[in-house]
Amino acid sequence: MELETTCPPEAVLIRRAVKGDTAAFDELVDLHYRALFGLAYRMLGNSEDASDAVQETFVKAYRALPEFNTEKPLKPWLYRICANVAIDLGRSRSKAPDPLDDHQHALRDPAPAPEEQVLEQDRERAVHRAVANLPEKYRQIIVLRHFHHMDVEEIADLLNAPEGTVKSWLFRARAILRRELAVLNPAPLPTEELAR
């Protein structure tokens, strides 16, 4: 029996999972869990809801796996499922998003001075609150574009929306964020990233 020295390609894992190989599906879960959790967390605002959304995402994905086209990448398909689950979960729980104090996804300089670190944390909180307060469709676009670094074409495919609509929503979301961030903190914030 030939030993595999590297993780099998996703297509192989998918084919094995469709045939009932739960270990192969577990490997797919391991490959994508963190990215999906990050997406759900940013959309829902807390770890418990994000964990529930990711779990539901993998249940739905497992059931739909036999229809999945293995010629396409798995990640956008999983993102679409997760985004829809997060939207449904957010609506069903009907609660306002909590401020996002957990900065596990934020990028920081290696060792900033204590004053800079406090200022950066305040800025991050302001950005997270502003994103959390966006209308749902705009929040989703910002999360996908700026936290998950997806391009407009990928987002349009994921949301099943025309690219022009996605660009329009992204423009409006950025405009709202700029206004919110200017009100929340008149000090200069790193909003130039939103111009991209």
Foldseek 3Di string as FASTA:
>chain_A
DDDDPDDDDLLVLLVCLLVPPVVSLVVVCVVCVVVQLLLLCLLAQDNVRSVVLLVVLSVVCSVCSVVDDSVDDPVLVSNLSSLVSSVVSCVVVVDQHDQRQDVPQDDDDDDDDPVVVVVVSLLVSLLSVLLSPDPNVLSSLCCCCPSVVDDLVSVCVSPVHDSVVSVVSLVVSLVSSVVSSCVSDVPDHPSVVSVD
